[in-house]
Structures are given as C-alpha cells and as structure tokens.
Amino acid sequence: MTSHADEHITRLAADVLELARSSDILLVTAESCTGGLIIGTLTGIAGSSDVIDRGFITYSNAAKTDMLAVPADMIATHGAVSEQVARAMANGACQNTAYPKTKSGILGIAVTGVAGPGGGSMDKPVGTVWFGLCSIVDGLTSTHSWVEHFDGQRDDIRRATIHSALSRIKAHIKDQIR
C-alpha cells in the first residue's frame, strides 16, 4: 500500500474513533479474512481505548462457532463466506461485548471473505467479501449486511476490506446522529 493510501485509511480510522467518541458508541470487530487488521488500524491511534472494547479474530470456522456462536450448521449450509455468517459474526461480536451503562450503544463490524490467491470458487471468487454490521442502541438490535467484490492481490483485497468497513462504520454513525 502506498503511503498516501496508508494515510487515507488512518484518517478514516481517526474519523470513526472521533464519531464513536462523540456519539458515545463502543466499537467491536469480528474479522476473518483481515486477520485483525481492522481492529489493529483502529487501536493504532492513540486514545482509541475509550471507544474500543475488543476485536475477535475468527479465521477458522471453529473460531467463528466457539467465539461468536455462529452455528456450525449455518457455516456448513451457506459457507463461511456468506451473508448469513457475516450477520451472525456481527451479532456474536456485539453479544459478546462488555456493554457499560455509560455508553449509548455498541457497533460491531464483521468481515468474512476470500482474500486469495487461492480459495475462490465460481460462486465466491477471490475478492468476495461479506460484511455484517450490528448495532445495539437502547436494547434494540439491528443488523445489516453487504457484499463487495475487490480486485487485486491478497494485500489489495484486505486493504480494500479495511477501507470499506471503516467507511460503512463512519456512515452508519453519521446516520445515527442526524
């Protein structure tokens, strides 16, 4: 990644942290194909500890089941890279977060995808990434999901995934405070 791209992602992460801070939202991540890069980007910024609770790295199917309560039969039926699993990962991350009464809500992002170079299929080619976004505010849970198809090498796909996740978190928080 170029220095310019690094700086852009760092600025985006700083924006997310500031919005979470000003909105009194706690952030949590559940990552498969990025292996902790999203939470690493966020926690690389000083002062992030006041809005970050935890990050789950659930690279294996067993980790998704053990740490986030994603049903094994869901993974067997739909595959690890699927809308259903991304949504379940996001919900599991939010449900397994310490929710202090001092916070207004929790926002959890989950990513599961095929970063390559191998592992792709006709239905889920390399570059396919499913995202889940879970929000708990005032005891009400809402979950959204979307899919992206990124081009490039493994590192390009993972960087694009970080960018998309942070962009969507930023947009979601902005929508909540309007």
N, C-alpha and C. Protein backbone atom coordinates (compact mmCIF):
# COMPACT_ATOMS: atom_id res chain seq x y z
N MET A 1 0.85 -1.16 0.00
CA MET A 1 0.00 0.00 0.00
C MET A 1 0.91 1.23 0.00
N THR A 2 0.49 2.19 -0.73
CA THR A 2 1.28 3.42 -0.81
C THR A 2 1.12 4.22 0.47
N SER A 3 2.03 5.13 0.68
CA SER A 3 1.97 6.00 1.85
C SER A 3 0.67 6.81 1.84
N HIS A 4 0.25 7.27 0.67
CA HIS A 4 -0.99 8.03 0.55
C HIS A 4 -2.19 7.19 0.98
N ALA A 5 -2.22 5.94 0.54
CA ALA A 5 -3.32 5.05 0.92
C ALA A 5 -3.30 4.77 2.42
N ASP A 6 -2.11 4.57 2.99
CA ASP A 6 -1.97 4.39 4.44
C ASP A 6 -2.54 5.59 5.18
N GLU A 7 -2.16 6.76 4.74
CA GLU A 7 -2.63 7.98 5.39
C GLU A 7 -4.14 8.13 5.29
N HIS A 8 -4.71 7.76 4.15
CA HIS A 8 -6.16 7.86 3.97
C HIS A 8 -6.89 6.93 4.94
N ILE A 9 -6.43 5.70 5.06
CA ILE A 9 -7.07 4.74 5.97
C ILE A 9 -6.90 5.19 7.42
N THR A 10 -5.74 5.72 7.76
CA THR A 10 -5.52 6.21 9.12
C THR A 10 -6.44 7.38 9.42
N ARG A 11 -6.61 8.29 8.48
CA ARG A 11 -7.54 9.42 8.67
C ARG A 11 -8.97 8.93 8.84
N LEU A 12 -9.34 7.94 8.03
CA LEU A 12 -10.68 7.37 8.11
C LEU A 12 -10.89 6.71 9.48
N ALA A 13 -9.90 5.98 9.96
CA ALA A 13 -9.99 5.35 11.28
C ALA A 13 -10.11 6.41 12.37
N ALA A 14 -9.34 7.48 12.26
CA ALA A 14 -9.42 8.58 13.24
C ALA A 14 -10.81 9.21 13.23
N ASP A 15 -11.39 9.38 12.04
CA ASP A 15 -12.75 9.92 11.93
C ASP A 15 -13.75 9.00 12.62
N VAL A 16 -13.61 7.68 12.40
CA VAL A 16 -14.51 6.71 13.03
C VAL A 16 -14.41 6.81 14.55
N LEU A 17 -13.18 6.87 15.07
CA LEU A 17 -13.00 6.96 16.52
C LEU A 17 -13.61 8.24 17.08
N GLU A 18 -13.42 9.34 16.39
CA GLU A 18 -13.97 10.61 16.87
C GLU A 18 -15.50 10.58 16.85
N LEU A 19 -16.07 10.04 15.79
CA LEU A 19 -17.54 9.93 15.73
C LEU A 19 -18.06 9.00 16.82
N ALA A 20 -17.39 7.88 17.04
CA ALA A 20 -17.81 6.95 18.08
C ALA A 20 -17.72 7.62 19.45
N ARG A 21 -16.64 8.36 19.66
CA ARG A 21 -16.44 9.07 20.93
C ARG A 21 -17.55 10.11 21.14
N SER A 22 -17.80 10.92 20.14
CA SER A 22 -18.80 11.98 20.28
C SER A 22 -20.22 11.43 20.36
N SER A 23 -20.43 10.22 19.84
CA SER A 23 -21.76 9.58 19.89
C SER A 23 -21.89 8.62 21.06
N ASP A 24 -20.80 8.46 21.80
CA ASP A 24 -20.78 7.58 22.98
C ASP A 24 -21.07 6.13 22.60
N ILE A 25 -20.44 5.68 21.51
CA ILE A 25 -20.64 4.32 21.00
C ILE A 25 -19.38 3.50 21.23
N LEU A 26 -19.57 2.26 21.63
CA LEU A 26 -18.49 1.30 21.82
C LEU A 26 -18.34 0.47 20.55
N LEU A 27 -17.12 0.28 20.08
CA LEU A 27 -16.86 -0.46 18.85
C LEU A 27 -16.27 -1.84 19.14
N VAL A 28 -16.66 -2.80 18.30
CA VAL A 28 -16.13 -4.17 18.38
C VAL A 28 -16.00 -4.70 16.96
N THR A 29 -15.00 -5.56 16.72
CA THR A 29 -14.83 -6.15 15.39
C THR A 29 -14.81 -7.67 15.48
N ALA A 30 -15.20 -8.30 14.39
CA ALA A 30 -15.08 -9.75 14.22
C ALA A 30 -14.51 -9.95 12.82
N GLU A 31 -13.28 -10.44 12.75
CA GLU A 31 -12.57 -10.47 11.48
C GLU A 31 -12.11 -11.88 11.12
N SER A 32 -12.30 -12.20 9.86
CA SER A 32 -11.78 -13.45 9.32
C SER A 32 -10.68 -13.12 8.32
N CYS A 33 -11.04 -12.72 7.12
CA CYS A 33 -10.06 -12.53 6.04
C CYS A 33 -9.05 -11.42 6.31
N THR A 34 -9.36 -10.48 7.20
CA THR A 34 -8.43 -9.40 7.51
C THR A 34 -7.54 -9.74 8.71
N GLY A 35 -7.84 -10.79 9.42
CA GLY A 35 -6.98 -11.27 10.50
C GLY A 35 -6.62 -10.25 11.55
N GLY A 36 -7.51 -9.33 11.85
CA GLY A 36 -7.27 -8.34 12.89
C GLY A 36 -6.78 -6.99 12.40
N LEU A 37 -6.72 -6.81 11.09
CA LEU A 37 -6.21 -5.55 10.56
C LEU A 37 -7.13 -4.36 10.83
N ILE A 38 -8.43 -4.60 10.90
CA ILE A 38 -9.36 -3.50 11.18
C ILE A 38 -9.17 -3.02 12.61
N ILE A 39 -9.19 -3.94 13.56
CA ILE A 39 -9.00 -3.53 14.96
C ILE A 39 -7.59 -2.98 15.15
N GLY A 40 -6.62 -3.53 14.44
CA GLY A 40 -5.26 -3.03 14.53
C GLY A 40 -5.14 -1.60 14.02
N THR A 41 -5.85 -1.29 12.95
CA THR A 41 -5.85 0.08 12.42
C THR A 41 -6.47 1.04 13.42
N LEU A 42 -7.58 0.64 14.02
CA LEU A 42 -8.25 1.50 14.99
C LEU A 42 -7.42 1.68 16.25
N THR A 43 -6.87 0.59 16.77
CA THR A 43 -6.12 0.69 18.03
C THR A 43 -4.71 1.25 17.81
N GLY A 44 -4.31 1.42 16.59
CA GLY A 44 -3.03 2.07 16.29
C GLY A 44 -3.08 3.57 16.53
N ILE A 45 -4.25 4.07 16.80
CA ILE A 45 -4.44 5.51 17.04
C ILE A 45 -4.56 5.73 18.54
N ALA A 46 -3.73 6.61 19.06
CA ALA A 46 -3.74 6.91 20.49
C ALA A 46 -5.12 7.38 20.94
N GLY A 47 -5.55 6.90 22.09
CA GLY A 47 -6.83 7.30 22.65
C GLY A 47 -7.99 6.42 22.23
N SER A 48 -7.72 5.38 21.45
CA SER A 48 -8.80 4.53 20.95
C SER A 48 -9.45 3.69 22.05
N SER A 49 -8.76 3.52 23.17
CA SER A 49 -9.27 2.62 24.21
C SER A 49 -10.58 3.09 24.83
N ASP A 50 -10.92 4.36 24.69
CA ASP A 50 -12.18 4.81 25.27
C ASP A 50 -13.40 4.43 24.45
N VAL A 51 -13.21 3.94 23.23
CA VAL A 51 -14.35 3.53 22.40
C VAL A 51 -14.20 2.12 21.80
N ILE A 52 -13.07 1.47 22.04
CA ILE A 52 -12.87 0.11 21.55
C ILE A 52 -13.00 -0.86 22.70
N ASP A 53 -13.85 -1.87 22.54
CA ASP A 53 -13.96 -2.89 23.58
C ASP A 53 -13.06 -4.07 23.25
N ARG A 54 -13.23 -4.65 22.08
CA ARG A 54 -12.46 -5.84 21.72
C ARG A 54 -12.56 -6.13 20.23
N GLY A 55 -11.64 -6.97 19.80
CA GLY A 55 -11.65 -7.45 18.43
C GLY A 55 -11.50 -8.96 18.43
N PHE A 56 -12.38 -9.63 17.71
CA PHE A 56 -12.32 -11.08 17.58
C PHE A 56 -11.66 -11.43 16.25
N ILE A 57 -10.64 -12.25 16.29
CA ILE A 57 -10.05 -12.78 15.06
C ILE A 57 -10.52 -14.22 14.96
N THR A 58 -11.42 -14.44 14.00
CA THR A 58 -12.06 -15.75 13.86
C THR A 58 -11.79 -16.29 12.46
N TYR A 59 -10.54 -16.63 12.25
CA TYR A 59 -10.10 -17.06 10.94
C TYR A 59 -10.67 -18.43 10.57
N SER A 60 -10.72 -19.33 11.53
CA SER A 60 -11.24 -20.68 11.25
C SER A 60 -12.74 -20.75 11.51
N ASN A 61 -13.37 -21.75 10.92
CA ASN A 61 -14.79 -21.97 11.18
C ASN A 61 -15.03 -22.28 12.64
N ALA A 62 -14.13 -23.05 13.25
CA ALA A 62 -14.26 -23.39 14.67
C ALA A 62 -14.23 -22.13 15.53
N ALA A 63 -13.37 -21.19 15.20
CA ALA A 63 -13.30 -19.94 15.96
C ALA A 63 -14.60 -19.16 15.83
N LYS A 64 -15.18 -19.15 14.65
CA LYS A 64 -16.45 -18.45 14.45
C LYS A 64 -17.52 -19.05 15.35
N THR A 65 -17.53 -20.37 15.44
CA THR A 65 -18.51 -21.07 16.26
C THR A 65 -18.21 -20.89 17.75
N ASP A 66 -16.96 -21.09 18.14
CA ASP A 66 -16.59 -21.03 19.56
C ASP A 66 -16.67 -19.62 20.13
N MET A 67 -16.17 -18.64 19.41
CA MET A 67 -16.06 -17.29 19.96
C MET A 67 -17.29 -16.42 19.72
N LEU A 68 -18.00 -16.67 18.61
CA LEU A 68 -19.09 -15.78 18.22
C LEU A 68 -20.44 -16.48 18.15
N ALA A 69 -20.46 -17.77 18.47
CA ALA A 69 -21.70 -18.56 18.46
C ALA A 69 -22.35 -18.64 17.07
N VAL A 70 -21.52 -18.59 16.02
CA VAL A 70 -22.05 -18.82 14.68
C VAL A 70 -22.37 -20.31 14.58
N PRO A 71 -23.60 -20.69 14.28
CA PRO A 71 -23.95 -22.10 14.22
C PRO A 71 -23.14 -22.86 13.16
N ALA A 72 -22.59 -23.99 13.56
CA ALA A 72 -21.79 -24.81 12.64
C ALA A 72 -22.63 -25.23 11.44
N ASP A 73 -23.92 -25.52 11.65
CA ASP A 73 -24.76 -25.93 10.52
C ASP A 73 -24.99 -24.77 9.55
N MET A 74 -24.95 -23.53 10.03
CA MET A 74 -25.07 -22.38 9.15
C MET A 74 -23.84 -22.30 8.23
N ILE A 75 -22.66 -22.51 8.82
CA ILE A 75 -21.43 -22.50 8.03
C ILE A 75 -21.45 -23.63 7.02
N ALA A 76 -21.89 -24.82 7.45
CA ALA A 76 -21.94 -25.98 6.56
C ALA A 76 -22.92 -25.75 5.40
N THR A 77 -24.02 -25.09 5.68
CA THR A 77 -25.05 -24.86 4.67
C THR A 77 -24.68 -23.74 3.70
N HIS A 78 -24.23 -22.62 4.23
CA HIS A 78 -24.01 -21.42 3.42
C HIS A 78 -22.55 -21.13 3.10
N GLY A 79 -21.65 -21.73 3.85
CA GLY A 79 -20.23 -21.46 3.70
C GLY A 79 -19.81 -20.31 4.61
N ALA A 80 -18.52 -20.28 4.95
CA ALA A 80 -18.01 -19.24 5.84
C ALA A 80 -18.11 -17.86 5.20
N VAL A 81 -18.00 -17.80 3.89
CA VAL A 81 -18.09 -16.54 3.17
C VAL A 81 -19.52 -16.41 2.64
N SER A 82 -20.38 -15.86 3.50
CA SER A 82 -21.80 -15.74 3.15
C SER A 82 -22.43 -14.62 3.95
N GLU A 83 -23.56 -14.17 3.46
CA GLU A 83 -24.30 -13.13 4.16
C GLU A 83 -24.71 -13.61 5.55
N GLN A 84 -25.20 -14.84 5.62
CA GLN A 84 -25.69 -15.37 6.90
C GLN A 84 -24.58 -15.39 7.95
N VAL A 85 -23.40 -15.83 7.55
CA VAL A 85 -22.29 -15.93 8.51
C VAL A 85 -21.79 -14.53 8.89
N ALA A 86 -21.72 -13.61 7.94
CA ALA A 86 -21.28 -12.25 8.27
C ALA A 86 -22.23 -11.61 9.28
N ARG A 87 -23.51 -11.79 9.09
CA ARG A 87 -24.50 -11.24 10.02
C ARG A 87 -24.38 -11.90 11.39
N ALA A 88 -24.22 -13.21 11.41
CA ALA A 88 -24.08 -13.93 12.67
C ALA A 88 -22.79 -13.54 13.40
N MET A 89 -21.72 -13.31 12.65
CA MET A 89 -20.47 -12.86 13.26
C MET A 89 -20.65 -11.48 13.90
N ALA A 90 -21.29 -10.57 13.20
CA ALA A 90 -21.51 -9.22 13.74
C ALA A 90 -22.37 -9.29 15.00
N ASN A 91 -23.45 -10.08 14.95
CA ASN A 91 -24.31 -10.22 16.12
C ASN A 91 -23.55 -10.85 17.28
N GLY A 92 -22.76 -11.88 16.99
CA GLY A 92 -21.98 -12.55 18.03
C GLY A 92 -20.97 -11.62 18.67
N ALA A 93 -20.35 -10.78 17.86
CA ALA A 93 -19.39 -9.82 18.41
C ALA A 93 -20.09 -8.85 19.36
N CYS A 94 -21.23 -8.33 18.94
CA CYS A 94 -21.97 -7.40 19.80
C CYS A 94 -22.45 -8.07 21.08
N GLN A 95 -22.93 -9.30 20.96
CA GLN A 95 -23.46 -10.01 22.13
C GLN A 95 -22.36 -10.39 23.12
N ASN A 96 -21.13 -10.51 22.64
CA ASN A 96 -20.01 -10.89 23.50
C ASN A 96 -19.15 -9.69 23.89
N THR A 97 -19.75 -8.53 23.90
CA THR A 97 -19.06 -7.29 24.24
C THR A 97 -19.52 -6.80 25.60
N ALA A 98 -18.58 -6.28 26.36
CA ALA A 98 -18.92 -5.68 27.65
C ALA A 98 -19.61 -4.35 27.34
N TYR A 99 -20.87 -4.26 27.68
CA TYR A 99 -21.67 -3.08 27.35
C TYR A 99 -21.86 -2.24 28.61
N PRO A 100 -20.95 -1.32 28.83
CA PRO A 100 -21.09 -0.50 30.05
C PRO A 100 -22.29 0.43 29.95
N LYS A 101 -22.93 0.65 31.07
CA LYS A 101 -24.11 1.51 31.10
C LYS A 101 -23.77 2.96 30.76
N THR A 102 -22.48 3.25 30.74
CA THR A 102 -22.07 4.62 30.41
C THR A 102 -22.07 4.88 28.91
N LYS A 103 -22.23 3.87 28.10
CA LYS A 103 -22.22 4.04 26.64
C LYS A 103 -23.65 4.04 26.10
N SER A 104 -23.83 4.76 25.00
CA SER A 104 -25.15 4.86 24.37
C SER A 104 -25.47 3.65 23.49
N GLY A 105 -24.43 2.97 23.01
CA GLY A 105 -24.68 1.83 22.14
C GLY A 105 -23.40 1.10 21.78
N ILE A 106 -23.60 0.02 21.06
CA ILE A 106 -22.50 -0.82 20.56
C ILE A 106 -22.63 -0.89 19.05
N LEU A 107 -21.50 -0.85 18.37
CA LEU A 107 -21.48 -1.03 16.92
C LEU A 107 -20.42 -2.08 16.62
N GLY A 108 -20.85 -3.15 15.98
CA GLY A 108 -19.94 -4.23 15.64
C GLY A 108 -19.85 -4.43 14.14
N ILE A 109 -18.64 -4.60 13.65
CA ILE A 109 -18.41 -4.87 12.23
C ILE A 109 -17.80 -6.26 12.10
N ALA A 110 -18.26 -7.01 11.11
CA ALA A 110 -17.71 -8.33 10.84
C ALA A 110 -17.36 -8.44 9.36
N VAL A 111 -16.26 -9.13 9.08
CA VAL A 111 -15.85 -9.37 7.70
C VAL A 111 -15.46 -10.83 7.54
N THR A 112 -15.89 -11.41 6.42
CA THR A 112 -15.51 -12.77 6.06
C THR A 112 -15.43 -12.84 4.54
N GLY A 113 -14.30 -13.29 4.05
CA GLY A 113 -14.14 -13.25 2.60
C GLY A 113 -13.02 -14.14 2.09
N VAL A 114 -12.81 -14.04 0.79
CA VAL A 114 -11.76 -14.80 0.11
C VAL A 114 -10.71 -13.79 -0.36
N ALA A 115 -9.61 -13.71 0.39
CA ALA A 115 -8.56 -12.74 0.07
C ALA A 115 -7.57 -13.28 -0.97
N GLY A 116 -7.57 -14.58 -1.18
CA GLY A 116 -6.71 -15.17 -2.20
C GLY A 116 -5.28 -15.39 -1.72
N PRO A 117 -4.43 -15.85 -2.59
CA PRO A 117 -4.69 -16.02 -4.01
C PRO A 117 -5.54 -17.24 -4.34
N GLY A 118 -5.58 -18.22 -3.45
CA GLY A 118 -6.41 -19.41 -3.68
C GLY A 118 -7.69 -19.31 -2.88
N GLY A 119 -8.48 -20.37 -2.91
CA GLY A 119 -9.67 -20.46 -2.10
C GLY A 119 -10.95 -19.99 -2.76
N GLY A 120 -10.84 -19.38 -3.91
CA GLY A 120 -12.04 -18.91 -4.59
C GLY A 120 -12.78 -20.02 -5.30
N SER A 121 -14.00 -19.76 -5.69
CA SER A 121 -14.82 -20.69 -6.45
C SER A 121 -15.61 -19.90 -7.48
N MET A 122 -16.39 -20.58 -8.28
CA MET A 122 -17.24 -19.89 -9.26
C MET A 122 -18.25 -18.99 -8.56
N ASP A 123 -18.82 -19.48 -7.47
CA ASP A 123 -19.82 -18.71 -6.73
C ASP A 123 -19.21 -17.62 -5.86
N LYS A 124 -18.01 -17.89 -5.35
CA LYS A 124 -17.33 -16.95 -4.45
C LYS A 124 -15.88 -16.80 -4.89
N PRO A 125 -15.67 -16.01 -5.94
CA PRO A 125 -14.30 -15.85 -6.44
C PRO A 125 -13.42 -15.05 -5.47
N VAL A 126 -12.13 -15.16 -5.66
CA VAL A 126 -11.20 -14.36 -4.88
C VAL A 126 -11.63 -12.89 -4.98
N GLY A 127 -11.64 -12.23 -3.85
CA GLY A 127 -12.07 -10.83 -3.80
C GLY A 127 -13.47 -10.65 -3.26
N THR A 128 -14.20 -11.75 -3.06
CA THR A 128 -15.55 -11.67 -2.49
C THR A 128 -15.44 -11.50 -0.98
N VAL A 129 -16.07 -10.46 -0.46
CA VAL A 129 -16.06 -10.22 0.98
C VAL A 129 -17.48 -9.85 1.41
N TRP A 130 -17.96 -10.58 2.40
CA TRP A 130 -19.24 -10.25 3.04
C TRP A 130 -18.98 -9.47 4.31
N PHE A 131 -19.79 -8.45 4.55
CA PHE A 131 -19.69 -7.60 5.72
C PHE A 131 -20.99 -7.69 6.51
N GLY A 132 -20.87 -7.66 7.82
CA GLY A 132 -22.03 -7.56 8.70
C GLY A 132 -21.82 -6.39 9.63
N LEU A 133 -22.88 -5.65 9.90
CA LEU A 133 -22.81 -4.50 10.81
C LEU A 133 -23.97 -4.63 11.79
N CYS A 134 -23.63 -4.76 13.06
CA CYS A 134 -24.63 -4.90 14.11
C CYS A 134 -24.60 -3.66 14.99
N SER A 135 -25.77 -3.17 15.32
CA SER A 135 -25.90 -2.00 16.18
C SER A 135 -26.87 -2.33 17.30
N ILE A 136 -26.45 -2.05 18.53
CA ILE A 136 -27.34 -2.19 19.67
C ILE A 136 -27.45 -0.82 20.33
N VAL A 137 -28.64 -0.27 20.29
CA VAL A 137 -28.91 1.03 20.90
C VAL A 137 -30.21 0.90 21.70
N ASP A 138 -30.16 1.29 22.96
CA ASP A 138 -31.34 1.21 23.84
C ASP A 138 -31.94 -0.19 23.86
N GLY A 139 -31.09 -1.20 23.81
CA GLY A 139 -31.54 -2.58 23.86
C GLY A 139 -32.09 -3.13 22.57
N LEU A 140 -32.17 -2.31 21.52
CA LEU A 140 -32.68 -2.76 20.23
C LEU A 140 -31.52 -3.09 19.30
N THR A 141 -31.57 -4.26 18.71
CA THR A 141 -30.50 -4.73 17.83
C THR A 141 -30.95 -4.65 16.38
N SER A 142 -30.08 -4.09 15.55
CA SER A 142 -30.32 -4.12 14.11
C SER A 142 -29.04 -4.60 13.44
N THR A 143 -29.22 -5.36 12.37
CA THR A 143 -28.07 -5.91 11.66
C THR A 143 -28.26 -5.69 10.17
N HIS A 144 -27.19 -5.25 9.53
CA HIS A 144 -27.17 -5.02 8.09
C HIS A 144 -26.02 -5.82 7.50
N SER A 145 -26.12 -6.10 6.22
CA SER A 145 -25.04 -6.82 5.55
C SER A 145 -24.92 -6.34 4.12
N TRP A 146 -23.73 -6.53 3.57
CA TRP A 146 -23.49 -6.21 2.17
C TRP A 146 -22.30 -7.01 1.68
N VAL A 147 -22.20 -7.12 0.39
CA VAL A 147 -21.08 -7.85 -0.21
C VAL A 147 -20.31 -6.91 -1.12
N GLU A 148 -19.01 -7.12 -1.17
CA GLU A 148 -18.13 -6.37 -2.07
C GLU A 148 -17.31 -7.38 -2.85
N HIS A 149 -16.92 -6.98 -4.05
CA HIS A 149 -16.04 -7.80 -4.89
C HIS A 149 -14.84 -6.93 -5.26
N PHE A 150 -13.71 -7.25 -4.64
CA PHE A 150 -12.50 -6.45 -4.83
C PHE A 150 -11.55 -7.14 -5.81
N ASP A 151 -10.80 -6.33 -6.54
CA ASP A 151 -9.78 -6.83 -7.46
C ASP A 151 -8.41 -6.66 -6.81
N GLY A 152 -7.46 -7.41 -7.35
CA GLY A 152 -6.09 -7.23 -6.90
C GLY A 152 -5.54 -8.45 -6.20
N GLN A 153 -4.37 -8.25 -5.63
CA GLN A 153 -3.69 -9.30 -4.88
C GLN A 153 -4.24 -9.35 -3.46
N ARG A 154 -3.81 -10.32 -2.69
CA ARG A 154 -4.27 -10.54 -1.33
C ARG A 154 -4.22 -9.25 -0.49
N ASP A 155 -3.09 -8.59 -0.48
CA ASP A 155 -2.96 -7.37 0.32
C ASP A 155 -3.91 -6.27 -0.16
N ASP A 156 -4.10 -6.17 -1.47
CA ASP A 156 -5.04 -5.18 -2.02
C ASP A 156 -6.46 -5.44 -1.54
N ILE A 157 -6.85 -6.70 -1.56
CA ILE A 157 -8.20 -7.09 -1.14
C ILE A 157 -8.40 -6.81 0.35
N ARG A 158 -7.42 -7.14 1.14
CA ARG A 158 -7.53 -6.90 2.59
C ARG A 158 -7.57 -5.40 2.89
N ARG A 159 -6.78 -4.60 2.19
CA ARG A 159 -6.81 -3.15 2.40
C ARG A 159 -8.15 -2.56 1.98
N ALA A 160 -8.65 -3.04 0.85
CA ALA A 160 -9.96 -2.56 0.39
C ALA A 160 -11.05 -2.93 1.39
N THR A 161 -10.91 -4.08 2.02
CA THR A 161 -11.87 -4.52 3.03
C THR A 161 -11.83 -3.60 4.24
N ILE A 162 -10.63 -3.25 4.69
CA ILE A 162 -10.49 -2.32 5.82
C ILE A 162 -11.17 -1.00 5.47
N HIS A 163 -10.89 -0.49 4.28
CA HIS A 163 -11.45 0.80 3.86
C HIS A 163 -12.98 0.74 3.82
N SER A 164 -13.52 -0.31 3.24
CA SER A 164 -14.97 -0.43 3.14
C SER A 164 -15.61 -0.53 4.53
N ALA A 165 -15.00 -1.32 5.41
CA ALA A 165 -15.55 -1.49 6.76
C ALA A 165 -15.54 -0.16 7.51
N LEU A 166 -14.43 0.54 7.48
CA LEU A 166 -14.34 1.82 8.19
C LEU A 166 -15.28 2.86 7.58
N SER A 167 -15.39 2.87 6.26
CA SER A 167 -16.30 3.82 5.60
C SER A 167 -17.73 3.57 6.00
N ARG A 168 -18.12 2.31 6.07
CA ARG A 168 -19.50 1.99 6.43
C ARG A 168 -19.78 2.29 7.90
N ILE A 169 -18.81 2.03 8.77
CA ILE A 169 -18.99 2.39 10.18
C ILE A 169 -19.19 3.90 10.30
N LYS A 170 -18.34 4.65 9.62
CA LYS A 170 -18.43 6.12 9.66
C LYS A 170 -19.80 6.60 9.18
N ALA A 171 -20.26 6.07 8.07
CA ALA A 171 -21.56 6.46 7.52
C ALA A 171 -22.69 6.08 8.47
N HIS A 172 -22.59 4.90 9.07
CA HIS A 172 -23.63 4.43 9.98
C HIS A 172 -23.74 5.34 11.20
N ILE A 173 -22.61 5.69 11.79
CA ILE A 173 -22.64 6.57 12.96
C ILE A 173 -23.18 7.94 12.57
N LYS A 174 -22.75 8.46 11.43
CA LYS A 174 -23.26 9.77 10.98
C LYS A 174 -24.78 9.73 10.80
N ASP A 175 -25.29 8.63 10.23
CA ASP A 175 -26.74 8.50 10.06
C ASP A 175 -27.46 8.45 11.40
N GLN A 176 -26.85 7.81 12.39
CA GLN A 176 -27.48 7.71 13.71
C GLN A 176 -27.58 9.05 14.41
N ILE A 177 -26.61 9.93 14.17
CA ILE A 177 -26.61 11.19 14.91
C ILE A 177 -27.37 12.30 14.19
N ARG A 178 -27.94 12.01 13.04
CA ARG A 178 -28.74 13.01 12.32
C ARG A 178 -30.11 13.10 12.89
